[in-house]
Protein backbone atom coordinates (compact mmCIF):
# COMPACT_ATOMS: atom_id res chain seq x y z
CA UNK A 1 -140.25 -60.43 -18.62
CA UNK A 2 -138.42 -57.18 -19.18
CA UNK A 3 -135.78 -55.48 -17.22
CA UNK A 4 -134.62 -51.85 -17.45
CA UNK A 5 -131.55 -50.32 -18.10
CA UNK A 6 -129.92 -46.71 -18.31
CA UNK A 7 -129.21 -45.37 -21.53
CA UNK A 8 -124.96 -44.94 -21.48
CA UNK A 9 -125.53 -41.57 -23.60
CA UNK A 10 -128.84 -39.56 -22.52
CA UNK A 11 -129.28 -41.72 -19.02
CA UNK A 12 -132.47 -42.29 -19.28
CA UNK A 13 -134.74 -45.80 -18.45
CA UNK A 14 -135.61 -48.15 -21.15
CA UNK A 15 -137.23 -51.71 -21.34
CA UNK A 16 -134.88 -54.30 -22.45
CA UNK A 17 -136.07 -57.69 -23.18
CA UNK A 18 -133.63 -60.80 -21.27
CA UNK A 19 -133.65 -63.33 -23.94
CA UNK A 20 -132.33 -60.89 -26.63
CA UNK A 21 -129.84 -61.91 -28.34
CA UNK A 22 -127.54 -59.17 -27.81
CA UNK A 23 -127.85 -56.65 -25.01
CA UNK A 24 -128.87 -52.83 -25.58
CA UNK A 25 -126.75 -50.45 -24.87
CA UNK A 26 -128.17 -47.18 -25.35
CA UNK A 27 -132.16 -46.13 -25.94
CA UNK A 28 -134.26 -45.80 -29.44
CA UNK A 29 -133.66 -42.70 -30.06
CA UNK A 30 -130.01 -42.66 -29.16
CA UNK A 31 -129.52 -45.98 -30.71
CA UNK A 32 -131.27 -44.55 -34.02
CA UNK A 33 -128.93 -41.76 -33.75
CA UNK A 34 -125.83 -43.72 -33.36
CA UNK A 35 -126.84 -46.12 -36.73
CA UNK A 36 -127.24 -42.89 -38.61
CA UNK A 37 -123.72 -41.33 -37.57
CA UNK A 38 -121.92 -44.87 -38.22
CA UNK A 39 -123.71 -45.59 -42.13
CA UNK A 40 -122.75 -41.49 -42.98
CA UNK A 41 -119.16 -42.10 -41.82
CA UNK A 42 -117.62 -43.05 -45.14
CA UNK A 43 -119.25 -39.63 -46.34
CA UNK A 44 -116.17 -38.11 -44.39
CA UNK A 45 -113.11 -36.70 -46.02
CA UNK A 46 -109.69 -35.82 -44.98
CA UNK A 47 -109.89 -32.74 -45.96
CA UNK A 48 -112.21 -31.95 -43.37
CA UNK A 49 -110.66 -32.80 -40.33
CA UNK A 50 -109.02 -29.69 -38.91
CA UNK A 51 -105.08 -29.60 -38.45
CA UNK A 52 -104.25 -28.06 -34.78
CA UNK A 53 -100.90 -28.35 -35.07
CA UNK A 54 -100.56 -25.56 -37.38
């Protein structure tokens, strides 16, 4: 049995196994994009951010 859910990011429907250990929130494409961003977050430096107060 397969359930259909909507992706939180792109609002596209995707299929989910109801017996999965963790409930998915994102489709495959958005999930891969978010994982890549998460893996590369250590590369950011303090100097990369803009300071709007000046």
